[in-house]
Amino acid sequence: MKLTYQPFELELKHAFTIAKFSRTSTPVMLVQLEHEGYTGYGEASMVPYMGESHQSATDFLQKVDVNQFQYPFDFEAIINYLDEIAPGMPAIKAAIDIALHDLEGKLKQQPCWQLLGSDPALMPVTSFTIGIDTPEMVIKKLEDARSFKVVKVKLGRDSDKELIKTIRSVTDVPLYVDANQGWTDLQESLDMTYWLHEQGIVLIEQPIIKTDIDSNAWLSERSPIPIIGDESVQRLADVTKANGVYNGINVKLMKSAGMHEGHQMILKAKELGLKTMIGCMSETSCATLAAIALAPLCDWADLDGPFLTTNNPYVMPEFTDGKWVLNGDNGLGLRLRN
């Protein structure tokens, strides 16, 4: 097996602002694994606040012994091996895991979604994300969301209500909101959930800082809208910890170290009675297709990465009526540009 990789800077259409950060691009590492005439493609989207970079990813990949990856792949053993190389760093581990899943599908002549037990008929609509911005820019960004059936809004600042009112002035589509740990006053947070409920909001992601478990649990118990753990839910062990604290979890492959553990997290959440959402960072078609393969197993999807970027190096997957469409191609179904 041969491992190759390429650093890449994924450019965003608009500056992307959340409660505590803003950026105009995302460092990405594109990974390829070649075996028996097939190539598996993977991706690490390394948003800066998660602590990974082109340099840290390169350092990690130089320590990876691809002889550890024997087909048929034992994904549990592989993730344990990658965790032994270095703690944390889930995005670059996800790149390897995604490439191996793509490779496995090609070797078995099956789509990844089929190998993971997904039903294309159960594909949820995916949301289009609007970052924190001026009312004028928010309305401009909404023009890009015309083909979507649901919009996700970043909150977490004093302008939260103004932002929602601006969106409601031009569209009545269902909304997801993500406060990115930006809410601090507990009673105000509860009042806000009721106000948002009146505005047609479907769910709220991580409203309070992840370390304040008691406040998150208190709010989840009282909110008329499901409260979804995001930053607080990284890997499989965090799903059990989320039970009784949140009403659901948001699985992101760049947090879960890839498709294998992301799949396990979804199954564990269902076992515990937690709702499931599958989300993304700013990503190319590669990581998006990996998440799309798992999306039919979830209640909600927020997989808009390729729509928010300008230099996706791969072909855009098929998107119809607000939903991604799973194709019958082997592996991820990733298509290269000519």
Protein backbone atom coordinates (compact mmCIF):
# COMPACT_ATOMS: atom_id res chain seq x y z
CA MET A 1 0.00 0.00 0.00
CA LYS A 2 1.19 3.51 -0.83
CA LEU A 3 0.30 6.67 1.07
CA THR A 4 0.49 10.11 -0.55
CA TYR A 5 -0.86 13.45 0.61
CA GLN A 6 -1.20 17.05 -0.49
CA PRO A 7 -1.80 20.20 1.60
CA PHE A 8 -4.60 22.36 0.25
CA GLU A 9 -6.19 25.67 1.24
CA LEU A 10 -9.97 25.59 0.86
CA GLU A 11 -11.27 29.09 0.16
CA LEU A 12 -14.65 30.21 1.52
CA LYS A 13 -17.18 32.25 -0.48
CA HIS A 14 -17.73 34.59 2.46
CA ALA A 15 -15.93 35.23 5.74
CA PHE A 16 -17.31 32.60 8.13
CA THR A 17 -18.02 33.96 11.60
CA ILE A 18 -19.25 32.07 14.66
CA ALA A 19 -19.54 33.16 18.30
CA LYS A 20 -15.79 33.39 18.95
CA PHE A 21 -13.95 32.95 15.62
CA SER A 22 -13.87 34.17 12.02
CA ARG A 23 -11.99 32.89 8.95
CA THR A 24 -11.90 33.11 5.16
CA SER A 25 -10.27 29.76 4.38
CA THR A 26 -9.61 26.34 5.91
CA PRO A 27 -6.40 24.29 5.74
CA VAL A 28 -7.11 20.83 4.31
CA MET A 29 -4.96 17.74 3.81
CA LEU A 30 -5.94 15.55 0.86
CA VAL A 31 -4.87 11.93 1.36
CA GLN A 32 -4.63 9.01 -1.07
CA LEU A 33 -4.04 5.33 -0.33
CA GLU A 34 -3.19 3.09 -3.30
CA HIS A 35 -3.65 -0.69 -3.12
CA GLU A 36 -4.02 -3.38 -5.80
CA GLY A 37 -4.69 -0.87 -8.56
CA TYR A 38 -7.31 1.11 -6.62
CA THR A 39 -6.99 4.51 -4.92
CA GLY A 40 -8.88 5.53 -1.80
CA TYR A 41 -9.37 9.25 -1.20
CA GLY A 42 -9.56 10.94 2.19
CA GLU A 43 -9.62 14.44 3.60
CA ALA A 44 -8.72 16.27 6.79
CA SER A 45 -10.48 19.61 7.20
CA MET A 46 -8.51 21.34 9.92
CA VAL A 47 -10.49 24.32 11.18
CA PRO A 48 -8.01 26.39 13.22
CA TYR A 49 -9.85 26.31 16.55
CA MET A 50 -9.50 22.49 16.62
CA GLY A 51 -5.71 22.83 16.79
CA GLU A 52 -4.59 20.89 13.70
CA SER A 53 -2.58 22.32 10.81
CA HIS A 54 -0.75 21.34 7.63
CA GLN A 55 2.41 20.92 9.69
CA SER A 56 0.85 18.77 12.42
CA ALA A 57 -0.88 16.63 9.78
CA THR A 58 2.38 16.15 7.87
CA ASP A 59 4.21 15.21 11.05
CA PHE A 60 1.50 12.67 11.87
CA LEU A 61 1.38 11.10 8.41
CA GLN A 62 5.15 10.64 8.40
CA LYS A 63 4.74 8.36 11.43
CA VAL A 64 2.03 6.20 9.84
CA ASP A 65 3.14 2.72 8.75
CA VAL A 66 0.75 1.71 5.97
CA ASN A 67 1.78 -1.93 6.44
CA GLN A 68 -0.61 -1.82 9.40
CA PHE A 69 -3.53 -1.59 6.95
CA GLN A 70 -4.19 -5.15 5.79
CA TYR A 71 -7.26 -5.91 3.68
CA PRO A 72 -9.97 -6.72 4.72
CA PHE A 73 -9.56 -3.71 6.99
CA ASP A 74 -10.06 -4.01 10.73
CA PHE A 75 -11.20 -0.44 11.34
CA GLU A 76 -11.30 -0.83 15.11
CA ALA A 77 -7.68 -1.96 15.18
CA ILE A 78 -6.71 0.79 12.74
CA ILE A 79 -8.18 3.62 14.82
CA ASN A 80 -6.51 2.18 17.93
CA TYR A 81 -3.19 2.17 16.04
CA LEU A 82 -3.68 5.79 14.94
CA ASP A 83 -4.58 6.81 18.48
CA GLU A 84 -1.35 5.20 19.69
CA ILE A 85 0.69 7.38 17.32
CA ALA A 86 -0.58 10.57 18.93
CA PRO A 87 -3.53 11.66 21.08
CA GLY A 88 -6.17 13.96 19.64
CA MET A 89 -5.74 15.02 16.00
CA PRO A 90 -9.06 13.53 14.85
CA ALA A 91 -9.14 15.30 11.47
CA ILE A 92 -5.98 13.73 10.04
CA LYS A 93 -7.05 10.38 11.46
CA ALA A 94 -10.38 10.89 9.70
CA ALA A 95 -8.55 11.45 6.41
CA ILE A 96 -6.92 8.03 6.69
CA ASP A 97 -10.15 6.35 7.80
CA ILE A 98 -12.12 7.91 4.93
CA ALA A 99 -9.49 6.86 2.38
CA LEU A 100 -9.60 3.31 3.72
CA HIS A 101 -13.40 3.20 3.54
CA ASP A 102 -13.26 4.47 -0.05
CA LEU A 103 -10.65 1.83 -0.83
CA GLU A 104 -12.67 -0.93 0.86
CA GLY A 105 -15.75 -0.06 -1.18
CA LYS A 106 -13.76 -0.18 -4.39
CA LEU A 107 -12.14 -3.50 -3.46
CA LYS A 108 -15.53 -5.00 -2.53
CA GLN A 109 -17.25 -3.37 -5.51
CA GLN A 110 -19.85 -1.70 -3.28
CA PRO A 111 -20.76 1.86 -2.28
CA CYS A 112 -19.69 2.93 1.20
CA TRP A 113 -23.28 3.77 2.12
CA GLN A 114 -24.29 0.18 1.42
CA LEU A 115 -21.43 -1.20 3.50
CA LEU A 116 -22.57 1.00 6.40
CA GLY A 117 -26.21 -0.04 6.19
CA SER A 118 -27.67 3.25 4.96
CA ASP A 119 -30.92 3.46 2.98
CA PRO A 120 -30.84 6.20 0.30
CA ALA A 121 -34.60 6.62 0.65
CA LEU A 122 -34.07 7.88 4.21
CA MET A 123 -31.71 10.72 3.24
CA PRO A 124 -32.63 13.81 5.34
CA VAL A 125 -32.64 17.31 3.90
CA THR A 126 -29.42 19.15 4.60
CA SER A 127 -29.14 22.70 5.90
CA PHE A 128 -27.29 25.70 4.50
CA THR A 129 -25.25 27.56 7.12
CA ILE A 130 -25.35 31.34 7.62
CA GLY A 131 -22.53 32.73 9.74
CA ILE A 132 -22.84 35.77 12.01
CA ASP A 133 -22.85 38.91 9.86
CA THR A 134 -24.54 42.24 9.15
CA PRO A 135 -28.22 42.14 8.11
CA GLU A 136 -27.23 43.14 4.57
CA MET A 137 -24.72 40.30 4.24
CA VAL A 138 -27.10 37.79 5.81
CA ILE A 139 -29.72 38.57 3.17
CA LYS A 140 -27.06 38.26 0.46
CA LYS A 141 -25.93 34.88 1.80
CA LEU A 142 -29.53 33.66 1.85
CA GLU A 143 -29.56 34.02 -1.93
CA ASP A 144 -27.12 31.09 -2.03
CA ALA A 145 -29.59 29.02 0.04
CA ARG A 146 -32.49 29.15 -2.40
CA SER A 147 -32.17 25.45 -3.29
CA PHE A 148 -32.24 24.41 0.39
CA LYS A 149 -35.26 23.41 2.46
CA VAL A 150 -33.70 24.40 5.80
CA VAL A 151 -31.17 27.03 6.92
CA LYS A 152 -28.74 26.83 9.84
CA VAL A 153 -27.88 30.06 11.65
CA LYS A 154 -24.84 30.79 13.78
CA LEU A 155 -25.73 32.63 17.00
CA GLY A 156 -23.95 33.41 20.26
CA ARG A 157 -23.69 37.21 20.32
CA ASP A 158 -25.86 40.12 21.43
CA SER A 159 -27.28 40.38 17.92
CA ASP A 160 -28.97 36.95 17.96
CA LYS A 161 -32.56 38.19 17.77
CA GLU A 162 -31.72 40.75 15.11
CA LEU A 163 -30.16 38.01 12.99
CA ILE A 164 -33.21 35.75 13.28
CA LYS A 165 -35.57 38.64 12.53
CA THR A 166 -33.52 39.52 9.45
CA ILE A 167 -33.79 35.96 8.16
CA ARG A 168 -37.50 35.79 8.95
CA SER A 169 -38.02 38.98 6.95
CA VAL A 170 -37.10 37.12 3.76
CA THR A 171 -37.84 33.42 4.37
CA ASP A 172 -40.05 31.19 6.49
CA VAL A 173 -38.06 27.95 5.98
CA PRO A 174 -37.32 25.87 9.10
CA LEU A 175 -34.15 26.95 10.93
CA TYR A 176 -31.47 25.19 12.92
CA VAL A 177 -29.39 27.41 15.20
CA ASP A 178 -25.90 26.91 16.60
CA ALA A 179 -24.74 29.15 19.43
CA ASN A 180 -21.23 27.61 19.54
CA GLN A 181 -21.08 27.89 23.36
CA GLY A 182 -21.85 31.62 23.16
CA TRP A 183 -24.72 31.86 25.68
CA THR A 184 -23.75 32.59 29.28
CA ASP A 185 -26.84 33.53 31.32
CA LEU A 186 -28.98 30.50 32.08
CA GLN A 187 -32.37 32.18 32.49
CA GLU A 188 -31.79 34.32 29.40
CA SER A 189 -30.86 31.14 27.53
CA LEU A 190 -34.13 29.48 28.52
CA ASP A 191 -36.10 32.57 27.54
CA MET A 192 -34.28 32.56 24.21
CA THR A 193 -35.28 28.94 23.53
CA TYR A 194 -38.95 29.88 23.90
CA TRP A 195 -38.53 32.91 21.66
CA LEU A 196 -36.75 30.79 19.05
CA HIS A 197 -39.48 28.18 19.29
CA GLU A 198 -41.98 30.86 18.26
CA GLN A 199 -39.76 31.68 15.25
CA GLY A 200 -39.91 28.13 13.89
CA ILE A 201 -36.50 26.93 15.06
CA VAL A 202 -36.12 23.13 14.94
CA LEU A 203 -33.04 22.58 17.13
CA ILE A 204 -30.27 24.40 19.00
CA GLU A 205 -26.64 23.25 18.95
CA GLN A 206 -24.31 23.71 21.92
CA PRO A 207 -25.78 26.91 23.43
CA ILE A 208 -23.64 26.90 26.62
CA ILE A 209 -19.94 26.21 27.12
CA LYS A 210 -19.32 22.46 26.96
CA THR A 211 -17.63 22.27 30.37
CA ASP A 212 -20.79 23.50 32.16
CA ILE A 213 -22.53 20.15 32.20
CA ASP A 214 -25.15 21.08 34.81
CA SER A 215 -26.32 24.17 32.92
CA ASN A 216 -26.55 22.29 29.62
CA ALA A 217 -28.56 19.52 31.31
CA TRP A 218 -30.84 22.08 33.01
CA LEU A 219 -31.52 23.83 29.70
CA SER A 220 -32.06 20.58 27.77
CA GLU A 221 -34.65 19.46 30.32
CA ARG A 222 -36.66 22.71 30.03
CA SER A 223 -36.23 23.84 26.43
CA PRO A 224 -39.16 23.41 24.03
CA ILE A 225 -36.57 22.81 21.29
CA PRO A 226 -34.09 19.87 21.28
CA ILE A 227 -30.63 20.87 22.56
CA ILE A 228 -27.86 19.16 20.60
CA GLY A 229 -24.34 18.54 21.95
CA ASP A 230 -21.67 19.51 19.42
CA GLU A 231 -18.31 20.68 20.82
CA SER A 232 -18.95 18.47 23.85
CA VAL A 233 -19.32 15.36 21.71
CA GLN A 234 -16.09 14.46 19.93
CA ARG A 235 -15.45 10.71 20.05
CA LEU A 236 -17.44 7.58 20.93
CA ALA A 237 -16.90 7.82 24.69
CA ASP A 238 -18.56 11.24 24.69
CA VAL A 239 -21.90 9.85 23.50
CA THR A 240 -22.61 8.10 26.80
CA LYS A 241 -21.54 11.25 28.66
CA ALA A 242 -24.04 13.26 26.60
CA ASN A 243 -26.94 11.09 27.72
CA GLY A 244 -28.97 13.07 30.26
CA VAL A 245 -27.16 16.29 29.34
CA TYR A 246 -28.45 16.86 25.79
CA ASN A 247 -31.43 15.75 23.75
CA GLY A 248 -29.19 14.72 20.87
CA ILE A 249 -25.68 14.81 19.45
CA ASN A 250 -23.98 16.23 16.35
CA VAL A 251 -21.53 13.78 14.77
CA LYS A 252 -18.77 15.29 12.63
CA LEU A 253 -16.24 13.02 10.96
CA MET A 254 -13.48 15.56 11.63
CA LYS A 255 -14.18 15.13 15.35
CA SER A 256 -14.92 11.40 15.39
CA ALA A 257 -11.68 10.46 13.58
CA GLY A 258 -13.61 9.21 10.60
CA MET A 259 -16.48 7.10 9.32
CA HIS A 260 -15.94 4.02 11.48
CA GLU A 261 -16.23 5.78 14.81
CA GLY A 262 -18.84 8.21 13.47
CA HIS A 263 -20.99 5.19 12.59
CA GLN A 264 -20.50 3.75 16.06
CA MET A 265 -21.47 7.07 17.63
CA ILE A 266 -24.72 7.19 15.66
CA LEU A 267 -25.63 3.64 16.66
CA LYS A 268 -24.76 4.30 20.31
CA ALA A 269 -26.86 7.48 20.36
CA LYS A 270 -29.85 5.60 18.95
CA GLU A 271 -29.40 2.92 21.60
CA LEU A 272 -29.53 5.63 24.30
CA GLY A 273 -32.56 7.35 22.78
CA LEU A 274 -30.64 10.45 21.68
CA LYS A 275 -31.46 12.27 18.44
CA THR A 276 -28.68 12.34 15.85
CA MET A 277 -27.39 15.03 13.53
CA ILE A 278 -24.49 14.66 11.12
CA GLY A 279 -22.56 17.85 10.46
CA CYS A 280 -19.40 19.03 8.79
CA MET A 281 -16.60 21.55 8.78
CA SER A 282 -15.81 23.49 5.59
CA GLU A 283 -14.99 20.50 3.40
CA THR A 284 -14.53 19.36 -0.19
CA SER A 285 -16.72 16.78 -1.91
CA CYS A 286 -14.50 14.03 -0.47
CA ALA A 287 -15.33 14.38 3.24
CA THR A 288 -18.85 15.45 2.32
CA LEU A 289 -19.47 12.16 0.51
CA ALA A 290 -18.12 10.28 3.52
CA ALA A 291 -20.69 12.00 5.73
CA ILE A 292 -23.46 11.61 3.14
CA ALA A 293 -22.94 7.85 3.35
CA LEU A 294 -23.98 8.01 7.02
CA ALA A 295 -26.64 10.72 6.73
CA PRO A 296 -29.65 8.37 6.17
CA LEU A 297 -28.98 6.90 9.62
CA CYS A 298 -29.49 10.33 11.24
CA ASP A 299 -32.47 12.55 12.08
CA TRP A 300 -30.89 15.73 10.69
CA ALA A 301 -28.05 16.68 8.35
CA ASP A 302 -25.90 19.79 8.05
CA LEU A 303 -23.62 18.90 5.15
CA ASP A 304 -23.19 22.07 3.13
CA GLY A 305 -19.38 22.26 2.94
CA PRO A 306 -18.98 22.34 -0.87
CA PHE A 307 -21.65 25.04 -1.20
CA LEU A 308 -19.68 27.39 1.05
CA THR A 309 -16.37 27.15 -0.84
CA THR A 310 -14.96 28.41 -4.15
CA ASN A 311 -12.19 25.94 -5.08
CA ASN A 312 -13.54 22.44 -4.43
CA PRO A 313 -11.00 20.23 -6.27
CA TYR A 314 -13.59 17.49 -6.93
CA VAL A 315 -16.91 17.27 -8.76
CA MET A 316 -19.90 18.39 -6.70
CA PRO A 317 -22.07 15.39 -5.67
CA GLU A 318 -25.65 15.34 -6.94
CA PHE A 319 -28.00 17.52 -4.89
CA THR A 320 -31.75 17.51 -5.57
CA ASP A 321 -34.76 18.91 -3.72
CA GLY A 322 -32.67 19.93 -0.72
CA LYS A 323 -31.03 16.52 -0.35
CA TRP A 324 -27.78 14.88 -1.37
CA VAL A 325 -28.28 11.90 -3.67
CA LEU A 326 -26.38 8.68 -3.05
CA ASN A 327 -25.10 7.14 -6.27
CA GLY A 328 -24.24 3.54 -7.03
CA ASP A 329 -20.52 4.12 -7.53
CA ASN A 330 -18.16 1.92 -5.55
CA GLY A 331 -16.52 3.45 -2.50
CA LEU A 332 -17.37 7.06 -1.71
CA GLY A 333 -18.53 7.83 -5.23
CA LEU A 334 -16.03 10.68 -5.45
CA ARG A 335 -15.52 11.95 -8.99
CA LEU A 336 -12.35 13.75 -10.03
CA ARG A 337 -12.37 16.84 -12.19
CA ASN A 338 -11.04 16.31 -15.72
